[in-house]
Amino acid sequence: MIGTEWIVDAYGCTPDRLRDLPALQALFARLMRDLDLHACGDGRWHQFPDSGGITGIAVLTESHLTCHSFPEYGTLCLNLFCCRPRPEWDFVESLPSIVGAQTVNVRRLDRPYAAPPDLPSWPAAQQVLHADD
């Protein structure tokens, strides 16, 4: 069995939309509804006083959904991890209308729960892999 993680970076967003807490909460609600995800209580949100950027997290029975908005850069960063298979959600088509994104990059990472039998044994210092590697 594998989990799936989506790492989403939306660029060229409308800064006012990235400062709009109800809009980002509505984005979370839409993702959870469309993907049949279930929140473990209320999400946690923080809006930064200077930039108006927002950080949000929803702990899910399926794992987590997070966002970080950077209005000063026009950027929204999302992370969704699901421990059970889920259909693809069309971030590329949806985020332009929700936050005004001009460019949306989606990286999907399948994360197996059991190590493959041929996984090399590495010294601890070498176990950190970067996305650019």
N, C-alpha and C. Protein backbone atom coordinates (compact mmCIF):
# COMPACT_ATOMS: atom_id res chain seq x y z
N MET A 1 0.85 -1.18 0.00
CA MET A 1 0.00 0.00 0.00
C MET A 1 0.89 1.24 0.00
N ILE A 2 0.42 2.26 -0.67
CA ILE A 2 1.18 3.51 -0.73
C ILE A 2 0.29 4.69 -0.35
N GLY A 3 0.93 5.71 0.16
CA GLY A 3 0.28 7.01 0.35
C GLY A 3 0.70 7.90 -0.80
N THR A 4 -0.07 8.95 -1.01
CA THR A 4 0.25 9.89 -2.07
C THR A 4 0.35 11.29 -1.49
N GLU A 5 1.39 11.98 -1.89
CA GLU A 5 1.58 13.37 -1.45
C GLU A 5 1.61 14.26 -2.68
N TRP A 6 0.85 15.34 -2.60
CA TRP A 6 0.86 16.35 -3.64
C TRP A 6 1.50 17.59 -3.07
N ILE A 7 2.53 18.09 -3.75
CA ILE A 7 3.21 19.32 -3.39
C ILE A 7 2.89 20.30 -4.52
N VAL A 8 2.19 21.37 -4.17
CA VAL A 8 1.66 22.27 -5.19
C VAL A 8 2.18 23.69 -4.94
N ASP A 9 2.74 24.28 -5.97
CA ASP A 9 3.20 25.66 -5.91
C ASP A 9 2.46 26.45 -6.99
N ALA A 10 1.71 27.46 -6.55
CA ALA A 10 0.95 28.31 -7.48
C ALA A 10 1.60 29.69 -7.48
N TYR A 11 1.98 30.16 -8.67
CA TYR A 11 2.68 31.43 -8.82
C TYR A 11 1.82 32.43 -9.59
N GLY A 12 2.13 33.71 -9.40
CA GLY A 12 1.41 34.76 -10.10
C GLY A 12 -0.01 34.92 -9.59
N CYS A 13 -0.23 34.56 -8.32
CA CYS A 13 -1.57 34.66 -7.72
C CYS A 13 -1.90 36.11 -7.39
N THR A 14 -3.19 36.40 -7.29
CA THR A 14 -3.67 37.71 -6.90
C THR A 14 -3.39 37.90 -5.41
N PRO A 15 -2.56 38.87 -5.04
CA PRO A 15 -2.19 39.03 -3.63
C PRO A 15 -3.38 39.14 -2.67
N ASP A 16 -4.42 39.86 -3.04
CA ASP A 16 -5.58 39.99 -2.14
C ASP A 16 -6.26 38.65 -1.87
N ARG A 17 -6.25 37.76 -2.85
CA ARG A 17 -6.85 36.43 -2.63
C ARG A 17 -6.01 35.61 -1.65
N LEU A 18 -4.70 35.85 -1.65
CA LEU A 18 -3.81 35.13 -0.75
C LEU A 18 -3.90 35.65 0.69
N ARG A 19 -4.53 36.82 0.85
CA ARG A 19 -4.77 37.38 2.18
C ARG A 19 -6.19 37.10 2.67
N ASP A 20 -6.99 36.44 1.87
CA ASP A 20 -8.41 36.22 2.13
C ASP A 20 -8.62 34.88 2.84
N LEU A 21 -8.70 34.95 4.17
CA LEU A 21 -8.83 33.73 4.97
C LEU A 21 -10.06 32.91 4.58
N PRO A 22 -11.24 33.51 4.44
CA PRO A 22 -12.40 32.69 4.03
C PRO A 22 -12.20 32.00 2.68
N ALA A 23 -11.48 32.64 1.75
CA ALA A 23 -11.23 32.01 0.44
C ALA A 23 -10.35 30.78 0.59
N LEU A 24 -9.31 30.86 1.42
CA LEU A 24 -8.44 29.70 1.60
C LEU A 24 -9.14 28.61 2.39
N GLN A 25 -9.98 28.98 3.35
CA GLN A 25 -10.77 27.99 4.07
C GLN A 25 -11.75 27.30 3.12
N ALA A 26 -12.30 28.06 2.18
CA ALA A 26 -13.21 27.47 1.18
C ALA A 26 -12.45 26.51 0.25
N LEU A 27 -11.19 26.84 -0.08
CA LEU A 27 -10.36 25.94 -0.88
C LEU A 27 -10.16 24.62 -0.14
N PHE A 28 -9.84 24.68 1.16
CA PHE A 28 -9.70 23.46 1.94
C PHE A 28 -11.00 22.66 1.93
N ALA A 29 -12.12 23.34 2.16
CA ALA A 29 -13.42 22.65 2.20
C ALA A 29 -13.71 21.97 0.86
N ARG A 30 -13.39 22.65 -0.24
CA ARG A 30 -13.63 22.07 -1.57
C ARG A 30 -12.76 20.84 -1.80
N LEU A 31 -11.47 20.95 -1.45
CA LEU A 31 -10.58 19.80 -1.60
C LEU A 31 -11.08 18.62 -0.77
N MET A 32 -11.46 18.88 0.47
CA MET A 32 -11.93 17.80 1.34
C MET A 32 -13.22 17.18 0.81
N ARG A 33 -14.12 18.01 0.32
CA ARG A 33 -15.39 17.49 -0.24
C ARG A 33 -15.12 16.67 -1.50
N ASP A 34 -14.36 17.25 -2.43
CA ASP A 34 -14.12 16.60 -3.72
C ASP A 34 -13.36 15.29 -3.58
N LEU A 35 -12.46 15.20 -2.60
CA LEU A 35 -11.63 14.01 -2.43
C LEU A 35 -12.11 13.10 -1.30
N ASP A 36 -13.27 13.43 -0.73
CA ASP A 36 -13.85 12.64 0.36
C ASP A 36 -12.85 12.49 1.52
N LEU A 37 -12.30 13.63 1.94
CA LEU A 37 -11.36 13.68 3.06
C LEU A 37 -12.11 14.10 4.32
N HIS A 38 -11.60 13.72 5.47
CA HIS A 38 -12.32 13.94 6.73
C HIS A 38 -11.42 14.62 7.75
N ALA A 39 -11.84 15.80 8.19
CA ALA A 39 -11.05 16.57 9.16
C ALA A 39 -11.20 15.98 10.56
N CYS A 40 -10.11 16.02 11.31
CA CYS A 40 -10.11 15.63 12.73
C CYS A 40 -10.27 16.92 13.54
N GLY A 41 -11.45 17.46 13.58
CA GLY A 41 -11.67 18.73 14.27
C GLY A 41 -11.49 19.90 13.33
N ASP A 42 -11.45 21.09 13.92
CA ASP A 42 -11.30 22.31 13.14
C ASP A 42 -9.85 22.48 12.69
N GLY A 43 -9.69 23.12 11.55
CA GLY A 43 -8.36 23.44 11.09
C GLY A 43 -7.75 24.53 11.95
N ARG A 44 -6.48 24.75 11.76
CA ARG A 44 -5.76 25.79 12.51
C ARG A 44 -5.23 26.79 11.49
N TRP A 45 -5.47 28.07 11.72
CA TRP A 45 -5.09 29.12 10.78
C TRP A 45 -4.36 30.24 11.50
N HIS A 46 -3.40 30.83 10.80
CA HIS A 46 -2.69 32.00 11.32
C HIS A 46 -2.48 32.98 10.17
N GLN A 47 -2.86 34.24 10.41
CA GLN A 47 -2.60 35.28 9.41
C GLN A 47 -1.53 36.21 9.95
N PHE A 48 -0.50 36.42 9.16
CA PHE A 48 0.62 37.26 9.57
C PHE A 48 0.25 38.73 9.43
N PRO A 49 0.51 39.53 10.45
CA PRO A 49 0.05 40.91 10.45
C PRO A 49 0.69 41.80 9.38
N ASP A 50 1.95 41.60 9.07
CA ASP A 50 2.61 42.50 8.13
C ASP A 50 2.21 42.24 6.68
N SER A 51 2.41 41.02 6.22
CA SER A 51 2.15 40.71 4.81
C SER A 51 0.70 40.29 4.56
N GLY A 52 0.03 39.82 5.62
CA GLY A 52 -1.32 39.27 5.44
C GLY A 52 -1.30 37.83 4.97
N GLY A 53 -0.10 37.26 4.80
CA GLY A 53 0.01 35.85 4.41
C GLY A 53 -0.64 34.95 5.43
N ILE A 54 -1.03 33.78 4.98
CA ILE A 54 -1.80 32.85 5.81
C ILE A 54 -1.14 31.48 5.79
N THR A 55 -1.08 30.87 6.97
CA THR A 55 -0.68 29.48 7.11
C THR A 55 -1.87 28.73 7.67
N GLY A 56 -2.19 27.60 7.05
CA GLY A 56 -3.31 26.79 7.52
C GLY A 56 -2.97 25.32 7.49
N ILE A 57 -3.59 24.60 8.42
CA ILE A 57 -3.42 23.14 8.45
C ILE A 57 -4.73 22.49 8.85
N ALA A 58 -5.04 21.42 8.19
CA ALA A 58 -6.15 20.55 8.58
C ALA A 58 -5.57 19.16 8.80
N VAL A 59 -5.74 18.66 10.01
CA VAL A 59 -5.36 17.28 10.28
C VAL A 59 -6.52 16.42 9.80
N LEU A 60 -6.21 15.44 8.98
CA LEU A 60 -7.23 14.60 8.36
C LEU A 60 -7.12 13.17 8.87
N THR A 61 -8.23 12.45 8.84
CA THR A 61 -8.13 11.02 9.15
C THR A 61 -7.24 10.34 8.11
N GLU A 62 -7.14 10.95 6.95
CA GLU A 62 -6.29 10.41 5.88
C GLU A 62 -4.88 10.96 5.93
N SER A 63 -4.59 11.97 6.73
CA SER A 63 -3.27 12.54 6.98
C SER A 63 -3.35 14.04 7.18
N HIS A 64 -2.95 14.87 6.17
CA HIS A 64 -2.96 16.32 6.41
C HIS A 64 -3.08 17.11 5.11
N LEU A 65 -3.53 18.37 5.28
CA LEU A 65 -3.60 19.34 4.21
C LEU A 65 -3.06 20.65 4.79
N THR A 66 -2.09 21.25 4.11
CA THR A 66 -1.51 22.51 4.60
C THR A 66 -1.43 23.53 3.48
N CYS A 67 -1.38 24.80 3.87
CA CYS A 67 -1.13 25.86 2.90
C CYS A 67 -0.30 26.96 3.56
N HIS A 68 0.45 27.63 2.73
CA HIS A 68 1.20 28.82 3.12
C HIS A 68 1.05 29.80 1.97
N SER A 69 0.51 30.98 2.27
CA SER A 69 0.37 31.98 1.21
C SER A 69 1.38 33.09 1.43
N PHE A 70 1.92 33.58 0.33
CA PHE A 70 2.92 34.63 0.34
C PHE A 70 2.45 35.74 -0.61
N PRO A 71 1.55 36.62 -0.15
CA PRO A 71 1.02 37.66 -1.03
C PRO A 71 2.11 38.56 -1.60
N GLU A 72 3.17 38.78 -0.83
CA GLU A 72 4.25 39.64 -1.31
C GLU A 72 4.98 39.05 -2.50
N TYR A 73 4.84 37.74 -2.72
CA TYR A 73 5.43 37.07 -3.89
C TYR A 73 4.38 36.54 -4.86
N GLY A 74 3.11 36.65 -4.49
CA GLY A 74 2.05 36.10 -5.34
C GLY A 74 2.08 34.59 -5.40
N THR A 75 2.46 33.95 -4.28
CA THR A 75 2.66 32.50 -4.28
C THR A 75 1.81 31.81 -3.22
N LEU A 76 1.25 30.68 -3.59
CA LEU A 76 0.54 29.80 -2.67
C LEU A 76 1.19 28.43 -2.73
N CYS A 77 1.57 27.91 -1.56
CA CYS A 77 2.16 26.58 -1.46
C CYS A 77 1.17 25.68 -0.72
N LEU A 78 0.83 24.56 -1.33
CA LEU A 78 -0.09 23.59 -0.74
C LEU A 78 0.63 22.25 -0.61
N ASN A 79 0.22 21.49 0.39
CA ASN A 79 0.72 20.14 0.59
C ASN A 79 -0.43 19.28 1.06
N LEU A 80 -0.69 18.21 0.34
CA LEU A 80 -1.74 17.26 0.72
C LEU A 80 -1.14 15.87 0.75
N PHE A 81 -1.26 15.21 1.88
CA PHE A 81 -0.81 13.82 1.98
C PHE A 81 -2.01 12.96 2.34
N CYS A 82 -2.21 11.90 1.59
CA CYS A 82 -3.30 10.96 1.83
C CYS A 82 -2.72 9.56 1.99
N CYS A 83 -3.12 8.90 3.05
CA CYS A 83 -2.59 7.57 3.33
C CYS A 83 -3.32 6.47 2.55
N ARG A 84 -4.42 6.83 1.90
CA ARG A 84 -5.14 5.89 1.05
C ARG A 84 -5.27 6.48 -0.34
N PRO A 85 -5.41 5.65 -1.36
CA PRO A 85 -5.51 6.17 -2.72
C PRO A 85 -6.68 7.15 -2.87
N ARG A 86 -6.43 8.18 -3.62
CA ARG A 86 -7.42 9.21 -3.92
C ARG A 86 -7.30 9.54 -5.40
N PRO A 87 -8.37 10.02 -6.01
CA PRO A 87 -8.26 10.47 -7.40
C PRO A 87 -7.42 11.75 -7.46
N GLU A 88 -6.94 12.06 -8.64
CA GLU A 88 -6.21 13.31 -8.84
C GLU A 88 -7.20 14.47 -8.72
N TRP A 89 -6.78 15.54 -8.10
CA TRP A 89 -7.58 16.77 -8.07
C TRP A 89 -6.91 17.73 -9.03
N ASP A 90 -7.67 18.42 -9.83
CA ASP A 90 -7.10 19.25 -10.89
C ASP A 90 -6.67 20.62 -10.36
N PHE A 91 -5.53 20.65 -9.68
CA PHE A 91 -4.98 21.89 -9.16
C PHE A 91 -4.71 22.89 -10.29
N VAL A 92 -4.20 22.39 -11.42
CA VAL A 92 -3.82 23.26 -12.54
C VAL A 92 -5.03 24.00 -13.09
N GLU A 93 -6.15 23.35 -13.18
CA GLU A 93 -7.36 23.99 -13.70
C GLU A 93 -8.09 24.81 -12.64
N SER A 94 -8.02 24.39 -11.39
CA SER A 94 -8.83 25.02 -10.33
C SER A 94 -8.19 26.26 -9.71
N LEU A 95 -6.90 26.24 -9.48
CA LEU A 95 -6.27 27.34 -8.74
C LEU A 95 -6.29 28.69 -9.47
N PRO A 96 -6.25 28.73 -10.80
CA PRO A 96 -6.37 30.06 -11.44
C PRO A 96 -7.68 30.78 -11.08
N SER A 97 -8.78 30.06 -11.01
CA SER A 97 -10.04 30.74 -10.68
C SER A 97 -10.19 31.01 -9.18
N ILE A 98 -9.51 30.23 -8.36
CA ILE A 98 -9.64 30.39 -6.91
C ILE A 98 -8.71 31.47 -6.37
N VAL A 99 -7.44 31.46 -6.79
CA VAL A 99 -6.46 32.42 -6.27
C VAL A 99 -5.80 33.25 -7.37
N GLY A 100 -6.26 33.11 -8.60
CA GLY A 100 -5.71 33.90 -9.69
C GLY A 100 -4.34 33.43 -10.17
N ALA A 101 -4.00 32.17 -9.91
CA ALA A 101 -2.68 31.65 -10.28
C ALA A 101 -2.46 31.73 -11.78
N GLN A 102 -1.26 32.16 -12.15
CA GLN A 102 -0.84 32.18 -13.55
C GLN A 102 -0.13 30.89 -13.93
N THR A 103 0.59 30.31 -12.98
CA THR A 103 1.36 29.07 -13.19
C THR A 103 1.13 28.18 -11.98
N VAL A 104 0.87 26.90 -12.23
CA VAL A 104 0.69 25.94 -11.14
C VAL A 104 1.58 24.73 -11.42
N ASN A 105 2.46 24.44 -10.47
CA ASN A 105 3.33 23.27 -10.55
C ASN A 105 2.86 22.25 -9.52
N VAL A 106 2.64 21.03 -9.99
CA VAL A 106 2.18 19.96 -9.10
C VAL A 106 3.19 18.83 -9.16
N ARG A 107 3.67 18.44 -7.99
CA ARG A 107 4.53 17.27 -7.89
C ARG A 107 3.77 16.23 -7.09
N ARG A 108 3.72 15.03 -7.62
CA ARG A 108 3.05 13.91 -6.94
C ARG A 108 4.13 12.94 -6.51
N LEU A 109 4.04 12.55 -5.26
CA LEU A 109 5.03 11.64 -4.70
C LEU A 109 4.30 10.45 -4.11
N ASP A 110 4.52 9.27 -4.67
CA ASP A 110 3.96 8.04 -4.11
C ASP A 110 4.92 7.56 -3.02
N ARG A 111 4.35 7.30 -1.84
CA ARG A 111 5.17 6.95 -0.67
C ARG A 111 4.77 5.57 -0.16
N PRO A 112 5.52 4.53 -0.56
CA PRO A 112 5.20 3.19 -0.09
C PRO A 112 5.43 3.06 1.41
N TYR A 113 4.59 2.30 2.07
CA TYR A 113 4.70 2.12 3.52
C TYR A 113 5.73 1.06 3.90
N ALA A 114 5.95 0.12 3.04
CA ALA A 114 6.94 -0.92 3.31
C ALA A 114 8.16 -0.65 2.43
N ALA A 115 9.34 -0.79 3.01
CA ALA A 115 10.56 -0.59 2.24
C ALA A 115 10.70 -1.70 1.22
N PRO A 116 11.09 -1.35 -0.01
CA PRO A 116 11.32 -2.41 -1.00
C PRO A 116 12.47 -3.30 -0.53
N PRO A 117 12.44 -4.58 -0.90
CA PRO A 117 13.47 -5.51 -0.42
C PRO A 117 14.88 -5.14 -0.89
N ASP A 118 14.99 -4.42 -2.00
CA ASP A 118 16.31 -4.08 -2.53
C ASP A 118 16.79 -2.69 -2.11
N LEU A 119 16.14 -2.09 -1.11
CA LEU A 119 16.54 -0.77 -0.64
C LEU A 119 17.93 -0.86 -0.01
N PRO A 120 18.87 -0.04 -0.51
CA PRO A 120 20.23 -0.10 0.05
C PRO A 120 20.24 0.43 1.48
N SER A 121 21.15 -0.06 2.24
CA SER A 121 21.34 0.42 3.61
C SER A 121 22.38 1.53 3.56
N TRP A 122 21.95 2.74 3.88
CA TRP A 122 22.83 3.90 3.83
C TRP A 122 23.19 4.36 5.22
N PRO A 123 24.38 4.94 5.37
CA PRO A 123 24.69 5.59 6.65
C PRO A 123 23.68 6.71 6.91
N ALA A 124 23.40 6.99 8.16
CA ALA A 124 22.37 7.96 8.53
C ALA A 124 22.56 9.30 7.83
N ALA A 125 23.78 9.77 7.68
CA ALA A 125 24.03 11.09 7.10
C ALA A 125 23.63 11.15 5.63
N GLN A 126 23.52 10.01 4.96
CA GLN A 126 23.19 10.00 3.55
C GLN A 126 21.72 9.72 3.29
N GLN A 127 20.91 9.61 4.29
CA GLN A 127 19.52 9.26 4.09
C GLN A 127 18.64 10.44 3.72
N VAL A 128 19.15 11.65 3.77
CA VAL A 128 18.37 12.82 3.38
C VAL A 128 18.53 13.01 1.89
N LEU A 129 17.44 12.94 1.18
CA LEU A 129 17.45 13.17 -0.26
C LEU A 129 16.71 14.44 -0.56
N HIS A 130 17.23 15.24 -1.45
CA HIS A 130 16.61 16.49 -1.84
C HIS A 130 15.90 16.31 -3.17
N ALA A 131 14.88 17.09 -3.40
CA ALA A 131 14.10 16.97 -4.62
C ALA A 131 14.97 17.16 -5.87
N ASP A 132 16.05 17.90 -5.75
CA ASP A 132 16.92 18.14 -6.91
C ASP A 132 17.86 16.98 -7.18
N ASP A 133 17.95 16.02 -6.25
CA ASP A 133 18.87 14.88 -6.42
C ASP A 133 18.37 13.90 -7.45
